[in-house]
Amino acid sequence: MGSTIAEKIFSKHVGHPVSAGDIVISPVDFVFSHDGNRPQPLETFAELGGDRVFDPSCVAMFLDHAPQVHTPPVAALHQQMRAFAADQGIHLYEIGRGISHQVLPEEGHAVPGRVIVGSDSHTCTAGAFNLLATGVGSTDLATAMMLGKLWFKVPETIRIVCEGPLAPGVYAKDLVLELLRLLGADGATYKSLEFVGSTFESLDMHGRMTLTNMGVEMGAKFAIMPADEVLARHLADLGVRDYPVTASDPDATFSATISVDAAMLEPLVAEPPNPDRVRPVSEVAGRPIQQATIGTSTNGQLDDLRAAVAVLGDNKIAPSVRLFVAPASRRAYLDALQEGLIARLIEAGAIIGTSGCSGCTGASGFAVPGDDTTMITSAPRNFVGRTGNRNADIFLASPATVMASAIEGVIADPRRHLTSAATPVGAAS
């Protein structure tokens, strides 16, 4: 019987064949934590008797969840993390460098075939690079920092088959919202998602990362993209050329197969208070909004900013709306500056935040909504109080739909703002 990607990568790491359902203690290739965890893994590390991390070159810390440094306790925590990183000789990515999930591939840490664990639930984003990546709690993270290995249950795999190109005005965010509609918030609990199909031939790495990022919103342990020419070109640009390629065998066992005709999708939104409450934008269009946010680990990449500005055109943000924008990384920010995207956004009325998780949660200190605010965001979650105020309603959508809504002052379909001369948007996220 054949093996899935998850089974193959774990088998290689533990040195013998494994199957779904097996409990394994697997070496990990990279471990990271950030400033959003309580307790901090560095504190748990000390409580467990940790002295030195297993390999300083394979451990990193990110100051990405509170990049505004908006309170004295946040500043104190950052000091504590800097001191730990200096003592251990591990790399600390400073304020403004960006969100861990965006920076990992930029810095060459996301290499096919690896096993990565992080202290963030959206660590599964790195699965876009044909590897296993998952979020764990502070205790497991501290254990991995000490030992360089961790226990896992080898997951069953759900095969996601997406065929056809995305239409203009439809993005990877719409595709993942459709999967959430089909699977629900717990339809892939402790499963591995494998994405295959012709849709991905025209979906770049940024769009793929949008899909894998939100795998956890379906309950998935891992979310994995194929190793193909799109990935090869992206890795070559980063200077990565020597890596294993892992694919499921033709006779591998899948717990389920979900098929999506991607060419038939239209722009979608998720209504509060859960990401799986998905409806076509046409069914909620016209609802007034007072705030809009573009950014976060799901949709703060360069392609997302390009898609938003393509919709913006020569328009201004509606006077009744506050638009907040935060590039996912310093590199995305600089590229957007060079292309004139940031200037155009500011001219239109946007407020630009520090690169990082600005605007994703209330703890970021950026884009916190007021009472009775209806907001639309490109973030991955819309739970009650997620952005810092329990008395605000949060809708999820692609950056293009967020921008269209910010222009009109109501939830709006982005396709009406796109022209045939606009940059092709099917490959954006």
Protein backbone atom coordinates (compact mmCIF):
# COMPACT_ATOMS: atom_id res chain seq x y z
CA MET A 1 0.00 0.00 0.00
CA GLY A 2 1.28 3.46 -0.90
CA SER A 3 2.03 6.36 1.42
CA THR A 4 0.87 9.96 1.72
CA ILE A 5 3.20 12.95 1.93
CA ALA A 6 2.87 13.11 5.72
CA GLU A 7 3.61 9.39 6.07
CA LYS A 8 6.65 9.67 3.80
CA ILE A 9 8.20 12.67 5.54
CA PHE A 10 7.72 11.18 8.99
CA SER A 11 9.06 7.81 7.79
CA LYS A 12 12.22 9.49 6.54
CA HIS A 13 12.67 11.42 9.78
CA VAL A 14 12.19 8.48 12.16
CA GLY A 15 14.06 5.98 9.99
CA HIS A 16 11.33 3.40 9.43
CA PRO A 17 7.94 3.17 7.68
CA VAL A 18 4.99 4.74 9.51
CA SER A 19 1.28 4.91 8.77
CA ALA A 20 -1.63 7.12 9.77
CA GLY A 21 -2.49 6.60 13.41
CA ASP A 22 1.06 5.74 14.52
CA ILE A 23 2.61 7.72 17.37
CA VAL A 24 6.15 8.80 16.53
CA ILE A 25 8.94 10.78 18.14
CA SER A 26 10.33 12.68 15.20
CA PRO A 27 13.35 14.95 14.82
CA VAL A 28 12.37 18.51 13.94
CA ASP A 29 14.34 20.65 11.51
CA PHE A 30 13.31 24.12 12.68
CA VAL A 31 11.65 25.50 15.82
CA PHE A 32 10.37 29.03 16.41
CA SER A 33 8.38 31.06 18.91
CA HIS A 34 6.95 34.57 19.02
CA ASP A 35 5.87 37.29 21.43
CA GLY A 36 2.18 36.39 21.42
CA ASN A 37 2.37 33.30 23.65
CA ARG A 38 1.47 33.06 27.34
CA PRO A 39 3.26 31.45 28.99
CA GLN A 40 6.30 32.19 26.89
CA PRO A 41 8.13 29.06 25.66
CA LEU A 42 11.35 30.52 27.10
CA GLU A 43 9.68 30.46 30.54
CA THR A 44 8.50 26.89 30.04
CA PHE A 45 11.99 26.02 28.82
CA ALA A 46 13.39 27.10 32.19
CA GLU A 47 10.62 25.35 34.15
CA LEU A 48 11.42 22.08 32.36
CA GLY A 49 15.08 22.38 33.34
CA GLY A 50 16.34 23.53 29.96
CA ASP A 51 19.90 24.76 29.74
CA ARG A 52 20.80 25.07 26.05
CA VAL A 53 18.72 24.74 22.89
CA PHE A 54 19.51 21.66 20.80
CA ASP A 55 20.98 23.63 17.87
CA PRO A 56 21.03 27.46 17.83
CA SER A 57 20.97 27.50 14.02
CA CYS A 58 17.64 25.64 14.02
CA VAL A 59 15.80 27.84 16.55
CA ALA A 60 14.48 31.38 16.11
CA MET A 61 12.27 33.93 17.85
CA PHE A 62 10.02 36.58 16.30
CA LEU A 63 8.81 39.90 17.67
CA ASP A 64 5.83 39.97 15.33
CA HIS A 65 2.56 39.84 17.29
CA ALA A 66 2.90 43.20 19.03
CA PRO A 67 5.11 45.19 16.65
CA GLN A 68 3.67 48.53 17.78
CA VAL A 69 5.17 47.89 21.28
CA HIS A 70 2.10 49.65 22.58
CA THR A 71 2.38 48.90 26.33
CA PRO A 72 5.21 48.69 28.90
CA PRO A 73 4.54 44.94 29.48
CA VAL A 74 5.07 44.31 25.75
CA ALA A 75 8.35 46.23 25.86
CA ALA A 76 9.44 44.20 28.89
CA LEU A 77 8.58 40.93 27.17
CA HIS A 78 10.61 41.94 24.13
CA GLN A 79 13.57 42.70 26.40
CA GLN A 80 13.21 39.24 27.96
CA MET A 81 13.13 37.55 24.56
CA ARG A 82 16.16 39.51 23.33
CA ALA A 83 18.12 38.46 26.40
CA PHE A 84 17.20 34.79 25.96
CA ALA A 85 18.10 34.83 22.27
CA ALA A 86 21.46 36.47 22.98
CA ASP A 87 22.27 33.99 25.74
CA GLN A 88 21.34 30.99 23.58
CA GLY A 89 22.95 32.31 20.40
CA ILE A 90 19.72 31.96 18.41
CA HIS A 91 18.42 34.38 15.80
CA LEU A 92 15.82 36.90 16.90
CA TYR A 93 13.82 38.61 14.16
CA GLU A 94 13.23 42.13 15.40
CA ILE A 95 10.21 44.41 15.41
CA GLY A 96 9.25 45.29 11.85
CA ARG A 97 10.98 42.33 10.18
CA GLY A 98 7.58 40.73 9.69
CA ILE A 99 5.30 37.84 10.48
CA SER A 100 7.07 34.56 11.18
CA HIS A 101 5.11 32.71 8.48
CA GLN A 102 6.21 35.22 5.85
CA VAL A 103 9.79 35.55 7.06
CA LEU A 104 10.48 31.78 7.32
CA PRO A 105 10.54 31.26 3.54
CA GLU A 106 12.20 34.63 2.90
CA GLU A 107 15.09 33.54 5.12
CA GLY A 108 15.35 30.06 3.57
CA HIS A 109 14.00 28.11 6.55
CA ALA A 110 11.02 26.63 4.67
CA VAL A 111 12.67 23.88 2.61
CA PRO A 112 10.77 20.89 1.17
CA GLY A 113 10.86 17.71 3.22
CA ARG A 114 11.39 19.42 6.57
CA VAL A 115 9.43 19.16 9.82
CA ILE A 116 8.85 22.58 11.39
CA VAL A 117 7.08 23.44 14.65
CA GLY A 118 6.17 26.90 15.86
CA SER A 119 4.29 28.44 18.74
CA ASP A 120 1.63 29.82 16.40
CA SER A 121 -1.42 27.97 15.13
CA HIS A 122 -0.82 29.25 11.60
CA THR A 123 2.61 27.58 11.38
CA CYS A 124 0.91 25.28 8.85
CA THR A 125 1.45 28.12 6.34
CA ALA A 126 4.92 26.73 5.57
CA GLY A 127 3.30 23.58 4.16
CA ALA A 128 3.06 25.52 0.90
CA PHE A 129 6.73 24.53 0.53
CA ASN A 130 6.02 20.77 0.43
CA LEU A 131 6.92 20.15 4.07
CA LEU A 132 5.26 19.39 7.40
CA ALA A 133 4.67 22.43 9.61
CA THR A 134 2.35 22.76 12.58
CA GLY A 135 1.68 24.94 15.59
CA VAL A 136 2.16 23.60 19.11
CA GLY A 137 1.74 24.90 22.65
CA SER A 138 4.43 26.41 24.84
CA THR A 139 5.29 23.13 26.59
CA ASP A 140 5.75 21.17 23.36
CA LEU A 141 7.64 24.07 21.83
CA ALA A 142 10.03 24.26 24.78
CA THR A 143 10.56 20.49 24.56
CA ALA A 144 11.43 20.76 20.88
CA MET A 145 13.83 23.62 21.62
CA MET A 146 15.63 21.45 24.18
CA LEU A 147 15.63 18.07 22.47
CA GLY A 148 15.29 18.75 18.75
CA LYS A 149 12.45 16.25 18.56
CA LEU A 150 8.79 15.98 19.45
CA TRP A 151 5.97 13.46 19.52
CA PHE A 152 3.34 13.40 16.78
CA LYS A 153 0.43 11.25 15.77
CA VAL A 154 0.80 10.56 12.06
CA PRO A 155 -2.38 12.07 10.61
CA GLU A 156 -4.80 10.72 8.08
CA THR A 157 -4.90 12.76 4.88
CA ILE A 158 -7.72 14.54 3.07
CA ARG A 159 -7.04 15.10 -0.62
CA ILE A 160 -8.18 18.48 -1.95
CA VAL A 161 -8.57 18.46 -5.74
CA CYS A 162 -8.97 21.91 -7.32
CA GLU A 163 -9.44 22.17 -11.06
CA GLY A 164 -9.61 25.15 -13.38
CA PRO A 165 -8.16 28.67 -13.15
CA LEU A 166 -9.57 31.27 -10.80
CA ALA A 167 -11.62 33.89 -12.64
CA PRO A 168 -10.63 37.58 -12.58
CA GLY A 169 -11.66 39.07 -9.25
CA VAL A 170 -11.50 35.69 -7.51
CA TYR A 171 -8.49 34.83 -5.36
CA ALA A 172 -6.88 32.16 -3.24
CA LYS A 173 -8.71 33.62 -0.23
CA ASP A 174 -12.02 32.89 -1.94
CA LEU A 175 -10.89 29.34 -2.67
CA VAL A 176 -9.95 28.66 0.94
CA LEU A 177 -13.22 30.17 2.14
CA GLU A 178 -15.02 27.75 -0.19
CA LEU A 179 -13.10 24.88 1.41
CA LEU A 180 -14.14 26.15 4.82
CA ARG A 181 -17.74 26.19 3.64
CA LEU A 182 -17.41 22.58 2.49
CA LEU A 183 -15.43 21.17 5.41
CA GLY A 184 -16.49 23.40 8.28
CA ALA A 185 -14.36 24.51 11.21
CA ASP A 186 -13.73 20.94 12.39
CA GLY A 187 -13.99 18.93 9.19
CA ALA A 188 -10.24 18.29 9.02
CA THR A 189 -9.41 17.99 12.72
CA TYR A 190 -5.91 16.49 13.13
CA LYS A 191 -5.84 15.63 9.44
CA SER A 192 -3.27 16.51 6.82
CA LEU A 193 -4.58 18.38 3.77
CA GLU A 194 -2.94 17.66 0.41
CA PHE A 195 -3.70 20.10 -2.39
CA VAL A 196 -3.57 18.88 -6.00
CA GLY A 197 -5.07 19.86 -9.34
CA SER A 198 -4.67 22.19 -12.30
CA THR A 199 -5.65 25.29 -10.28
CA PHE A 200 -2.22 25.35 -8.69
CA GLU A 201 -0.43 25.56 -12.02
CA SER A 202 -1.42 29.26 -12.13
CA LEU A 203 -1.35 29.94 -8.39
CA ASP A 204 1.90 31.46 -7.17
CA MET A 205 3.51 30.79 -3.80
CA HIS A 206 1.80 33.73 -2.13
CA GLY A 207 -1.61 32.36 -3.11
CA ARG A 208 -0.61 28.87 -1.98
CA MET A 209 0.46 30.23 1.39
CA THR A 210 -2.98 31.79 1.81
CA LEU A 211 -4.52 28.34 1.43
CA THR A 212 -2.14 26.50 3.75
CA ASN A 213 -2.33 29.31 6.30
CA MET A 214 -6.04 28.73 6.82
CA GLY A 215 -5.80 24.93 6.91
CA VAL A 216 -5.89 25.20 10.69
CA GLU A 217 -9.26 26.98 10.47
CA MET A 218 -10.61 23.61 9.30
CA GLY A 219 -8.82 21.88 12.16
CA ALA A 220 -5.96 20.52 10.04
CA LYS A 221 -2.62 19.52 11.55
CA PHE A 222 -0.77 20.00 8.26
CA ALA A 223 -1.62 21.60 4.91
CA ILE A 224 0.71 20.65 2.07
CA MET A 225 1.19 21.90 -1.47
CA PRO A 226 2.85 19.94 -4.30
CA ALA A 227 6.52 20.29 -5.23
CA ASP A 228 6.25 21.54 -8.81
CA GLU A 229 7.73 24.10 -11.19
CA VAL A 230 6.05 26.99 -9.36
CA LEU A 231 7.80 25.99 -6.14
CA ALA A 232 11.08 25.26 -7.93
CA ARG A 233 11.18 28.75 -9.47
CA HIS A 234 10.38 30.40 -6.14
CA LEU A 235 13.05 28.45 -4.27
CA ALA A 236 15.61 29.15 -7.01
CA ASP A 237 14.99 32.88 -6.53
CA LEU A 238 15.80 32.34 -2.84
CA GLY A 239 18.95 30.41 -3.71
CA VAL A 240 17.53 27.03 -2.64
CA ARG A 241 18.12 24.32 -5.24
CA ASP A 242 18.97 21.10 -3.42
CA TYR A 243 15.93 19.60 -1.71
CA PRO A 244 13.80 16.44 -1.69
CA VAL A 245 10.48 16.26 -3.52
CA THR A 246 7.69 14.40 -1.77
CA ALA A 247 4.45 13.27 -3.37
CA SER A 248 1.80 10.76 -2.36
CA ASP A 249 1.84 7.39 -4.07
CA PRO A 250 -0.97 6.64 -6.56
CA ASP A 251 -2.29 3.94 -4.21
CA ALA A 252 -2.00 6.00 -1.02
CA THR A 253 -4.99 5.90 1.33
CA PHE A 254 -6.96 9.12 1.85
CA SER A 255 -9.66 9.54 4.47
CA ALA A 256 -11.65 11.72 2.06
CA THR A 257 -11.38 13.55 -1.25
CA ILE A 258 -12.87 17.01 -1.71
CA SER A 259 -13.24 18.36 -5.26
CA VAL A 260 -13.67 22.02 -6.18
CA ASP A 261 -14.37 23.55 -9.59
CA ALA A 262 -12.26 26.62 -8.95
CA ALA A 263 -13.21 28.22 -12.26
CA MET A 264 -16.82 28.53 -11.06
CA LEU A 265 -16.04 30.36 -7.82
CA GLU A 266 -17.15 33.92 -7.13
CA PRO A 267 -15.93 36.32 -4.42
CA LEU A 268 -16.88 35.06 -0.96
CA VAL A 269 -17.04 36.44 2.57
CA ALA A 270 -17.18 34.79 5.98
CA GLU A 271 -19.75 36.27 8.33
CA PRO A 272 -19.16 36.67 12.06
CA PRO A 273 -18.48 34.99 14.33
CA ASN A 274 -16.72 32.05 12.58
CA PRO A 275 -14.58 31.61 9.44
CA ASP A 276 -16.79 28.80 8.13
CA ARG A 277 -19.94 30.97 7.90
CA VAL A 278 -19.26 31.55 4.22
CA ARG A 279 -21.57 33.22 1.71
CA PRO A 280 -21.16 34.78 -1.75
CA VAL A 281 -20.40 38.48 -1.49
CA SER A 282 -23.50 39.11 -3.59
CA GLU A 283 -25.67 37.91 -0.71
CA VAL A 284 -24.26 40.39 1.81
CA ALA A 285 -23.35 43.27 -0.51
CA GLY A 286 -24.62 46.62 0.68
CA ARG A 287 -24.05 46.13 4.40
CA PRO A 288 -22.38 49.30 5.72
CA ILE A 289 -18.88 49.04 7.17
CA GLN A 290 -16.85 51.48 9.20
CA GLN A 291 -13.45 49.78 9.13
CA ALA A 292 -11.36 47.66 6.77
CA THR A 293 -8.01 45.90 7.26
CA ILE A 294 -5.60 44.46 4.69
CA GLY A 295 -2.67 42.41 5.98
CA THR A 296 -2.01 39.63 8.53
CA SER A 297 -0.33 36.27 7.94
CA THR A 298 -3.05 35.30 5.46
CA ASN A 299 -3.05 38.26 3.10
CA GLY A 300 -0.31 40.81 3.75
CA GLN A 301 2.05 39.79 0.97
CA LEU A 302 3.14 41.84 -2.02
CA ASP A 303 0.62 40.21 -4.34
CA ASP A 304 -2.16 41.06 -1.89
CA LEU A 305 -1.19 44.73 -1.90
CA ARG A 306 -1.03 44.64 -5.70
CA ALA A 307 -4.51 43.13 -5.87
CA ALA A 308 -5.87 45.76 -3.49
CA VAL A 309 -4.36 48.65 -5.45
CA ALA A 310 -5.66 47.17 -8.73
CA VAL A 311 -9.16 47.46 -7.26
CA LEU A 312 -8.46 50.89 -5.75
CA GLY A 313 -7.59 52.49 -9.07
CA ASP A 314 -8.04 56.27 -8.84
CA ASN A 315 -10.61 56.04 -6.06
CA LYS A 316 -10.46 57.28 -2.49
CA ILE A 317 -11.48 55.47 0.66
CA ALA A 318 -15.07 56.29 1.64
CA PRO A 319 -15.22 59.09 4.25
CA SER A 320 -17.11 56.79 6.63
CA VAL A 321 -14.41 54.09 6.53
CA ARG A 322 -10.99 53.72 8.14
CA LEU A 323 -8.66 51.51 6.09
CA PHE A 324 -5.68 49.95 7.86
CA VAL A 325 -2.91 48.23 5.88
CA ALA A 326 0.09 46.27 7.22
CA PRO A 327 2.58 44.51 4.92
CA ALA A 328 3.43 41.02 6.17
CA SER A 329 7.19 41.61 6.10
CA ARG A 330 9.80 44.32 5.67
CA ARG A 331 10.64 42.85 2.28
CA ALA A 332 7.00 43.07 1.15
CA TYR A 333 6.87 46.64 2.51
CA LEU A 334 10.01 47.71 0.65
CA ASP A 335 8.87 46.08 -2.59
CA ALA A 336 5.48 47.77 -2.25
CA LEU A 337 7.22 51.11 -1.67
CA GLN A 338 9.36 50.61 -4.77
CA GLU A 339 6.30 49.81 -6.88
CA GLY A 340 4.44 52.87 -5.60
CA LEU A 341 1.74 50.79 -3.91
CA ILE A 342 2.24 52.29 -0.45
CA ALA A 343 2.12 55.84 -1.78
CA ARG A 344 -1.10 55.09 -3.65
CA LEU A 345 -2.67 53.56 -0.54
CA ILE A 346 -1.71 56.53 1.63
CA GLU A 347 -2.97 58.99 -0.99
CA ALA A 348 -6.31 57.17 -0.94
CA GLY A 349 -6.56 57.50 2.84
CA ALA A 350 -5.06 54.28 4.21
CA ILE A 351 -3.19 54.08 7.54
CA ILE A 352 -0.03 51.95 7.27
CA GLY A 353 1.03 49.75 10.17
CA THR A 354 4.31 48.14 11.18
CA SER A 355 5.14 44.97 9.28
CA GLY A 356 4.02 42.03 11.37
CA CYS A 357 0.71 40.84 12.78
CA SER A 358 -0.64 44.39 12.94
CA GLY A 359 -4.43 44.36 12.83
CA CYS A 360 -4.86 40.59 13.16
CA THR A 361 -5.64 40.62 16.89
CA GLY A 362 -6.34 43.31 19.43
CA ALA A 363 -3.04 42.44 21.09
CA SER A 364 -1.18 43.91 18.11
CA GLY A 365 -2.16 47.43 19.18
CA PHE A 366 -3.23 48.39 15.66
CA ALA A 367 -6.64 48.76 13.99
CA VAL A 368 -8.72 47.97 17.08
CA PRO A 369 -12.38 48.69 16.19
CA GLY A 370 -14.76 50.76 18.26
CA ASP A 371 -18.10 49.66 19.68
CA ASP A 372 -20.81 48.78 17.15
CA THR A 373 -18.26 48.76 14.33
CA THR A 374 -18.70 46.49 11.34
CA MET A 375 -15.34 45.71 9.82
CA ILE A 376 -14.09 43.62 6.92
CA THR A 377 -10.60 42.16 6.97
CA SER A 378 -8.27 39.87 5.06
CA ALA A 379 -7.32 38.14 8.34
CA PRO A 380 -7.87 34.40 8.92
CA ARG A 381 -10.25 34.67 11.88
CA ASN A 382 -13.35 36.62 12.86
CA PHE A 383 -14.14 35.28 16.32
CA VAL A 384 -15.91 37.53 18.82
CA GLY A 385 -13.35 39.98 20.19
CA ARG A 386 -10.59 38.81 17.84
CA THR A 387 -9.53 42.33 16.90
CA GLY A 388 -9.80 43.71 20.43
CA ASN A 389 -13.47 44.61 20.87
CA ARG A 390 -16.26 42.14 21.59
CA ASN A 391 -18.79 44.73 20.39
CA ALA A 392 -17.58 44.73 16.79
CA ASP A 393 -18.67 42.49 13.89
CA ILE A 394 -15.91 41.05 11.71
CA PHE A 395 -16.27 39.83 8.11
CA LEU A 396 -13.47 37.97 6.31
CA ALA A 397 -12.66 38.41 2.62
CA SER A 398 -9.87 38.72 0.07
CA PRO A 399 -7.83 41.95 -0.01
CA ALA A 400 -9.64 42.89 -3.23
CA THR A 401 -13.06 42.53 -1.62
CA VAL A 402 -11.83 44.43 1.44
CA MET A 403 -10.63 47.26 -0.79
CA ALA A 404 -13.85 47.38 -2.83
CA SER A 405 -15.78 47.60 0.42
CA ALA A 406 -13.54 50.37 1.75
CA ILE A 407 -14.12 52.39 -1.42
CA GLU A 408 -17.89 51.99 -1.38
CA GLY A 409 -18.45 52.11 2.37
CA VAL A 410 -20.43 48.88 2.18
CA ILE A 411 -19.49 45.24 1.58
CA ALA A 412 -18.90 45.13 -2.17
CA ASP A 413 -17.92 42.87 -5.06
CA PRO A 414 -14.40 43.73 -6.27
CA ARG A 415 -15.08 42.70 -9.87
CA ARG A 416 -16.95 45.91 -10.64
CA HIS A 417 -13.74 47.86 -9.91
CA LEU A 418 -11.49 45.82 -12.17
CA THR A 419 -10.87 46.55 -15.86
CA SER A 420 -9.52 44.40 -18.63
CA ALA A 421 -6.30 46.40 -18.40
CA ALA A 422 -5.80 45.52 -14.74
CA THR A 423 -3.07 43.19 -13.62
CA PRO A 424 -4.28 39.56 -13.87
CA VAL A 425 -5.70 38.69 -10.50
CA GLY A 426 -6.41 34.97 -10.70
CA ALA A 427 -2.96 34.14 -9.34
CA ALA A 428 -3.01 36.65 -6.50
CA SER A 429 -4.06 35.76 -2.99
